Amino acid sequence: QVQLVESGGGLVQPGGSLRLSCVESRTIFRIDTRNWYRQAPGKQRELVATITNTDTTNYQDSVKGRFTISRDAAKNTVYLQMNSLKPEDTAVYYCNIVTRLHSNYWGQGTQVTVSS
């Protein structure tokens, strides 16, 4: 069974940076997109960033220019570099992989807290 293992969350001051990582426990085939979602308390889970197998990226408007999604195929890892963090970025961040066969894999989530 495939697991997605996230790391890199934590407490950071406003304006700070964090890099999240998500490692696949084994190679997943026919991946369509790798995604990062987040869910703040009392809110619905929302899509933050997407990267395709051709490295096309898309971002939620609120994080454009501050967050960067990337991947290392050799390491089966997807990253989310988060800069200029704001208190409203506080949430649990989830890694997600969708395959061309419509399988959906989720990580366990990692907490990001932006506070002074």
N, C-alpha and C. Protein backbone atom coordinates (compact mmCIF):
# COMPACT_ATOMS: atom_id res chain seq x y z
N GLN A 1 0.85 -1.19 0.00
CA GLN A 1 0.00 0.00 0.00
C GLN A 1 0.88 1.24 0.00
N VAL A 2 0.54 2.16 -0.87
CA VAL A 2 1.34 3.37 -0.98
C VAL A 2 1.03 4.31 0.17
N GLN A 3 2.09 4.90 0.72
CA GLN A 3 1.93 5.95 1.73
C GLN A 3 2.64 7.19 1.25
N LEU A 4 2.05 8.33 1.57
CA LEU A 4 2.70 9.62 1.34
C LEU A 4 3.09 10.17 2.70
N VAL A 5 4.37 10.44 2.88
CA VAL A 5 4.88 10.88 4.17
C VAL A 5 5.34 12.32 4.06
N GLU A 6 4.66 13.18 4.79
CA GLU A 6 4.97 14.62 4.75
C GLU A 6 5.87 15.00 5.91
N SER A 7 6.64 16.05 5.70
CA SER A 7 7.47 16.60 6.77
C SER A 7 7.74 18.07 6.46
N GLY A 8 8.26 18.77 7.47
CA GLY A 8 8.69 20.15 7.25
C GLY A 8 7.79 21.20 7.87
N GLY A 9 6.66 20.80 8.42
CA GLY A 9 5.79 21.78 9.05
C GLY A 9 6.38 22.28 10.37
N GLY A 10 5.73 23.28 10.95
CA GLY A 10 6.19 23.81 12.22
C GLY A 10 5.64 25.18 12.50
N LEU A 11 6.24 25.82 13.48
CA LEU A 11 5.86 27.18 13.88
C LEU A 11 6.87 28.16 13.31
N VAL A 12 6.37 29.20 12.66
CA VAL A 12 7.26 30.20 12.06
C VAL A 12 6.63 31.58 12.25
N GLN A 13 7.48 32.59 12.34
CA GLN A 13 6.98 33.95 12.48
C GLN A 13 6.51 34.49 11.14
N PRO A 14 5.62 35.45 11.16
CA PRO A 14 5.20 36.08 9.89
C PRO A 14 6.42 36.59 9.12
N GLY A 15 6.40 36.35 7.82
CA GLY A 15 7.53 36.71 6.97
C GLY A 15 8.55 35.62 6.83
N GLY A 16 8.44 34.57 7.60
CA GLY A 16 9.39 33.48 7.56
C GLY A 16 9.11 32.49 6.44
N SER A 17 9.93 31.43 6.41
CA SER A 17 9.84 30.42 5.35
C SER A 17 9.83 29.02 5.94
N LEU A 18 9.20 28.13 5.20
CA LEU A 18 9.24 26.70 5.50
C LEU A 18 9.26 25.95 4.17
N ARG A 19 9.83 24.75 4.19
CA ARG A 19 9.76 23.88 3.02
C ARG A 19 9.15 22.56 3.44
N LEU A 20 8.03 22.24 2.82
CA LEU A 20 7.37 20.96 3.06
C LEU A 20 7.86 19.93 2.06
N SER A 21 7.96 18.69 2.51
CA SER A 21 8.34 17.58 1.64
C SER A 21 7.30 16.48 1.74
N CYS A 22 7.13 15.76 0.65
CA CYS A 22 6.21 14.63 0.62
C CYS A 22 6.87 13.51 -0.17
N VAL A 23 7.13 12.41 0.52
CA VAL A 23 7.82 11.28 -0.10
C VAL A 23 6.85 10.13 -0.31
N GLU A 24 6.89 9.56 -1.50
CA GLU A 24 6.08 8.36 -1.80
C GLU A 24 6.81 7.13 -1.26
N SER A 25 6.07 6.27 -0.56
CA SER A 25 6.72 5.10 0.04
C SER A 25 7.18 4.12 -1.04
N ARG A 26 6.55 4.14 -2.18
CA ARG A 26 7.00 3.38 -3.34
C ARG A 26 6.54 4.13 -4.59
N THR A 27 7.13 3.78 -5.69
CA THR A 27 6.82 4.49 -6.94
C THR A 27 5.36 4.30 -7.32
N ILE A 28 4.72 5.42 -7.62
CA ILE A 28 3.35 5.41 -8.11
C ILE A 28 3.40 5.62 -9.62
N PHE A 29 2.70 4.78 -10.35
CA PHE A 29 2.74 4.86 -11.81
C PHE A 29 1.55 5.65 -12.36
N ARG A 30 1.77 6.18 -13.54
CA ARG A 30 0.73 6.92 -14.27
C ARG A 30 0.20 8.10 -13.46
N ILE A 31 1.13 8.82 -12.83
CA ILE A 31 0.72 10.01 -12.08
C ILE A 31 0.27 11.09 -13.04
N ASP A 32 -0.84 11.72 -12.69
CA ASP A 32 -1.35 12.85 -13.48
C ASP A 32 -0.87 14.16 -12.85
N THR A 33 -1.19 14.35 -11.57
CA THR A 33 -0.77 15.57 -10.89
C THR A 33 -0.32 15.26 -9.46
N ARG A 34 0.60 16.08 -8.98
CA ARG A 34 0.99 16.10 -7.57
C ARG A 34 0.51 17.44 -7.01
N ASN A 35 -0.12 17.42 -5.85
CA ASN A 35 -0.79 18.61 -5.34
C ASN A 35 -0.52 18.81 -3.86
N TRP A 36 -0.59 20.05 -3.45
CA TRP A 36 -0.63 20.39 -2.03
C TRP A 36 -1.97 21.07 -1.74
N TYR A 37 -2.64 20.58 -0.72
CA TYR A 37 -3.87 21.17 -0.20
C TYR A 37 -3.61 21.68 1.21
N ARG A 38 -4.52 22.50 1.71
CA ARG A 38 -4.45 22.90 3.11
C ARG A 38 -5.86 23.04 3.67
N GLN A 39 -5.94 22.87 4.98
CA GLN A 39 -7.22 23.01 5.66
C GLN A 39 -7.02 23.76 6.97
N ALA A 40 -7.60 24.93 7.05
CA ALA A 40 -7.55 25.72 8.27
C ALA A 40 -8.73 25.34 9.17
N PRO A 41 -8.63 25.59 10.47
CA PRO A 41 -9.72 25.25 11.39
C PRO A 41 -11.03 25.89 10.96
N GLY A 42 -12.08 25.06 10.88
CA GLY A 42 -13.39 25.55 10.53
C GLY A 42 -13.60 25.86 9.06
N LYS A 43 -12.61 25.52 8.23
CA LYS A 43 -12.72 25.80 6.80
C LYS A 43 -12.59 24.52 6.00
N GLN A 44 -13.02 24.60 4.75
CA GLN A 44 -12.90 23.45 3.86
C GLN A 44 -11.47 23.30 3.36
N ARG A 45 -11.11 22.09 3.01
CA ARG A 45 -9.80 21.84 2.42
C ARG A 45 -9.74 22.54 1.06
N GLU A 46 -8.62 23.21 0.79
CA GLU A 46 -8.48 23.94 -0.47
C GLU A 46 -7.17 23.59 -1.16
N LEU A 47 -7.23 23.65 -2.49
CA LEU A 47 -6.05 23.36 -3.30
C LEU A 47 -5.12 24.58 -3.28
N VAL A 48 -3.85 24.32 -2.98
CA VAL A 48 -2.87 25.39 -2.90
C VAL A 48 -1.98 25.44 -4.15
N ALA A 49 -1.49 24.27 -4.56
CA ALA A 49 -0.55 24.25 -5.69
C ALA A 49 -0.58 22.89 -6.35
N THR A 50 -0.30 22.90 -7.66
CA THR A 50 -0.30 21.68 -8.48
C THR A 50 0.92 21.67 -9.38
N ILE A 51 1.49 20.47 -9.58
CA ILE A 51 2.55 20.31 -10.56
C ILE A 51 2.27 19.05 -11.37
N THR A 52 2.40 19.16 -12.70
CA THR A 52 2.17 18.03 -13.58
C THR A 52 3.48 17.31 -13.88
N ASN A 53 3.38 16.23 -14.67
CA ASN A 53 4.58 15.49 -15.03
C ASN A 53 5.46 16.23 -16.04
N THR A 54 4.90 17.28 -16.63
CA THR A 54 5.71 18.14 -17.51
C THR A 54 6.14 19.39 -16.79
N ASP A 55 5.97 19.38 -15.45
CA ASP A 55 6.40 20.48 -14.58
C ASP A 55 5.62 21.77 -14.80
N THR A 56 4.44 21.63 -15.35
CA THR A 56 3.54 22.79 -15.38
C THR A 56 2.97 22.98 -13.98
N THR A 57 2.99 24.23 -13.51
CA THR A 57 2.54 24.50 -12.15
C THR A 57 1.36 25.46 -12.16
N ASN A 58 0.54 25.33 -11.13
CA ASN A 58 -0.57 26.25 -10.91
C ASN A 58 -0.69 26.52 -9.43
N TYR A 59 -1.12 27.74 -9.09
CA TYR A 59 -1.20 28.15 -7.70
C TYR A 59 -2.52 28.84 -7.41
N GLN A 60 -2.95 28.69 -6.17
CA GLN A 60 -4.06 29.49 -5.67
C GLN A 60 -3.59 30.96 -5.67
N ASP A 61 -4.51 31.86 -6.00
CA ASP A 61 -4.12 33.27 -6.12
C ASP A 61 -3.45 33.81 -4.85
N SER A 62 -3.89 33.36 -3.69
CA SER A 62 -3.39 33.93 -2.43
C SER A 62 -1.93 33.56 -2.16
N VAL A 63 -1.38 32.57 -2.87
CA VAL A 63 0.00 32.15 -2.60
C VAL A 63 0.93 32.42 -3.78
N LYS A 64 0.39 32.93 -4.88
CA LYS A 64 1.23 33.21 -6.05
C LYS A 64 2.33 34.19 -5.69
N GLY A 65 3.54 33.86 -6.14
CA GLY A 65 4.68 34.73 -5.85
C GLY A 65 5.33 34.44 -4.51
N ARG A 66 4.68 33.65 -3.68
CA ARG A 66 5.24 33.33 -2.35
C ARG A 66 5.57 31.84 -2.21
N PHE A 67 4.76 30.99 -2.81
CA PHE A 67 4.95 29.54 -2.71
C PHE A 67 5.47 28.99 -4.03
N THR A 68 6.28 27.93 -3.94
CA THR A 68 6.78 27.25 -5.14
C THR A 68 6.67 25.75 -4.95
N ILE A 69 5.98 25.10 -5.88
CA ILE A 69 5.89 23.64 -5.86
C ILE A 69 6.93 23.09 -6.83
N SER A 70 7.57 22.00 -6.43
CA SER A 70 8.56 21.37 -7.29
C SER A 70 8.58 19.88 -6.99
N ARG A 71 9.29 19.14 -7.84
CA ARG A 71 9.36 17.69 -7.62
C ARG A 71 10.73 17.18 -7.99
N ASP A 72 11.09 16.07 -7.36
CA ASP A 72 12.33 15.36 -7.67
C ASP A 72 11.91 13.93 -8.00
N ALA A 73 11.83 13.63 -9.28
CA ALA A 73 11.33 12.32 -9.70
C ALA A 73 12.21 11.19 -9.19
N ALA A 74 13.51 11.42 -9.16
CA ALA A 74 14.44 10.37 -8.72
C ALA A 74 14.23 10.00 -7.26
N LYS A 75 13.74 10.97 -6.48
CA LYS A 75 13.52 10.73 -5.05
C LYS A 75 12.05 10.49 -4.72
N ASN A 76 11.19 10.46 -5.75
CA ASN A 76 9.74 10.30 -5.52
C ASN A 76 9.24 11.30 -4.49
N THR A 77 9.66 12.54 -4.64
CA THR A 77 9.37 13.56 -3.64
C THR A 77 8.81 14.81 -4.31
N VAL A 78 7.84 15.41 -3.66
CA VAL A 78 7.31 16.71 -4.09
C VAL A 78 7.49 17.69 -2.93
N TYR A 79 7.83 18.92 -3.27
CA TYR A 79 8.14 19.93 -2.28
C TYR A 79 7.17 21.11 -2.40
N LEU A 80 7.03 21.83 -1.30
CA LEU A 80 6.34 23.12 -1.33
C LEU A 80 7.19 24.10 -0.53
N GLN A 81 7.85 24.99 -1.26
CA GLN A 81 8.64 26.05 -0.62
C GLN A 81 7.69 27.21 -0.34
N MET A 82 7.63 27.61 0.92
CA MET A 82 6.70 28.67 1.32
C MET A 82 7.51 29.83 1.90
N ASN A 83 7.45 30.96 1.24
CA ASN A 83 8.15 32.16 1.68
C ASN A 83 7.15 33.25 2.05
N SER A 84 7.62 34.26 2.76
CA SER A 84 6.79 35.40 3.15
C SER A 84 5.48 34.93 3.77
N LEU A 85 5.59 34.00 4.70
CA LEU A 85 4.40 33.40 5.29
C LEU A 85 3.60 34.41 6.08
N LYS A 86 2.28 34.23 6.03
CA LYS A 86 1.33 35.11 6.72
C LYS A 86 0.51 34.29 7.71
N PRO A 87 -0.04 34.94 8.72
CA PRO A 87 -0.89 34.19 9.68
C PRO A 87 -2.02 33.42 9.00
N GLU A 88 -2.55 33.97 7.90
CA GLU A 88 -3.65 33.29 7.20
C GLU A 88 -3.20 32.04 6.46
N ASP A 89 -1.89 31.77 6.42
CA ASP A 89 -1.39 30.53 5.84
C ASP A 89 -1.43 29.39 6.85
N THR A 90 -1.76 29.69 8.08
CA THR A 90 -1.84 28.66 9.12
C THR A 90 -2.89 27.62 8.76
N ALA A 91 -2.47 26.36 8.73
CA ALA A 91 -3.37 25.27 8.33
C ALA A 91 -2.62 23.95 8.45
N VAL A 92 -3.36 22.87 8.30
CA VAL A 92 -2.74 21.57 8.08
C VAL A 92 -2.57 21.41 6.57
N TYR A 93 -1.36 21.10 6.15
CA TYR A 93 -1.05 20.96 4.73
C TYR A 93 -0.98 19.48 4.37
N TYR A 94 -1.64 19.13 3.26
CA TYR A 94 -1.73 17.75 2.82
C TYR A 94 -1.13 17.57 1.43
N CYS A 95 -0.37 16.52 1.28
CA CYS A 95 0.13 16.13 -0.02
C CYS A 95 -0.90 15.21 -0.68
N ASN A 96 -1.07 15.34 -1.98
CA ASN A 96 -2.05 14.55 -2.73
C ASN A 96 -1.48 14.18 -4.09
N ILE A 97 -1.70 12.94 -4.48
CA ILE A 97 -1.30 12.49 -5.83
C ILE A 97 -2.52 11.89 -6.51
N VAL A 98 -2.75 12.30 -7.73
CA VAL A 98 -3.84 11.77 -8.55
C VAL A 98 -3.24 11.09 -9.77
N THR A 99 -3.71 9.88 -10.06
CA THR A 99 -3.19 9.17 -11.22
C THR A 99 -4.14 9.27 -12.40
N ARG A 100 -3.63 8.87 -13.57
CA ARG A 100 -4.46 8.90 -14.77
C ARG A 100 -5.57 7.85 -14.70
N LEU A 101 -5.44 6.92 -13.77
CA LEU A 101 -6.50 5.93 -13.55
C LEU A 101 -7.44 6.40 -12.44
N HIS A 102 -7.33 7.65 -12.07
CA HIS A 102 -8.21 8.30 -11.09
C HIS A 102 -8.04 7.76 -9.67
N SER A 103 -6.88 7.17 -9.37
CA SER A 103 -6.59 6.84 -7.97
C SER A 103 -6.15 8.10 -7.27
N ASN A 104 -6.46 8.18 -5.98
CA ASN A 104 -6.20 9.37 -5.18
C ASN A 104 -5.45 8.96 -3.92
N TYR A 105 -4.27 9.54 -3.71
CA TYR A 105 -3.47 9.23 -2.53
C TYR A 105 -3.30 10.50 -1.70
N TRP A 106 -3.38 10.33 -0.36
CA TRP A 106 -3.24 11.47 0.55
C TRP A 106 -2.21 11.18 1.62
N GLY A 107 -1.51 12.23 2.01
CA GLY A 107 -0.64 12.13 3.17
C GLY A 107 -1.44 12.37 4.44
N GLN A 108 -0.74 12.26 5.57
CA GLN A 108 -1.40 12.38 6.87
C GLN A 108 -1.55 13.84 7.30
N GLY A 109 -0.87 14.73 6.62
CA GLY A 109 -0.96 16.15 6.95
C GLY A 109 0.17 16.60 7.85
N THR A 110 0.59 17.84 7.67
CA THR A 110 1.60 18.44 8.52
C THR A 110 1.14 19.85 8.90
N GLN A 111 1.26 20.18 10.17
CA GLN A 111 0.76 21.45 10.67
C GLN A 111 1.74 22.58 10.38
N VAL A 112 1.21 23.66 9.83
CA VAL A 112 1.99 24.89 9.64
C VAL A 112 1.28 25.99 10.43
N THR A 113 2.02 26.61 11.34
CA THR A 113 1.47 27.69 12.16
C THR A 113 2.33 28.93 11.98
N VAL A 114 1.70 30.02 11.56
CA VAL A 114 2.41 31.28 11.35
C VAL A 114 1.92 32.25 12.42
N SER A 115 2.80 32.57 13.35
CA SER A 115 2.41 33.40 14.48
C SER A 115 3.62 34.05 15.11
N SER A 116 3.43 35.25 15.62
CA SER A 116 4.50 35.91 16.34
C SER A 116 4.41 35.62 17.84
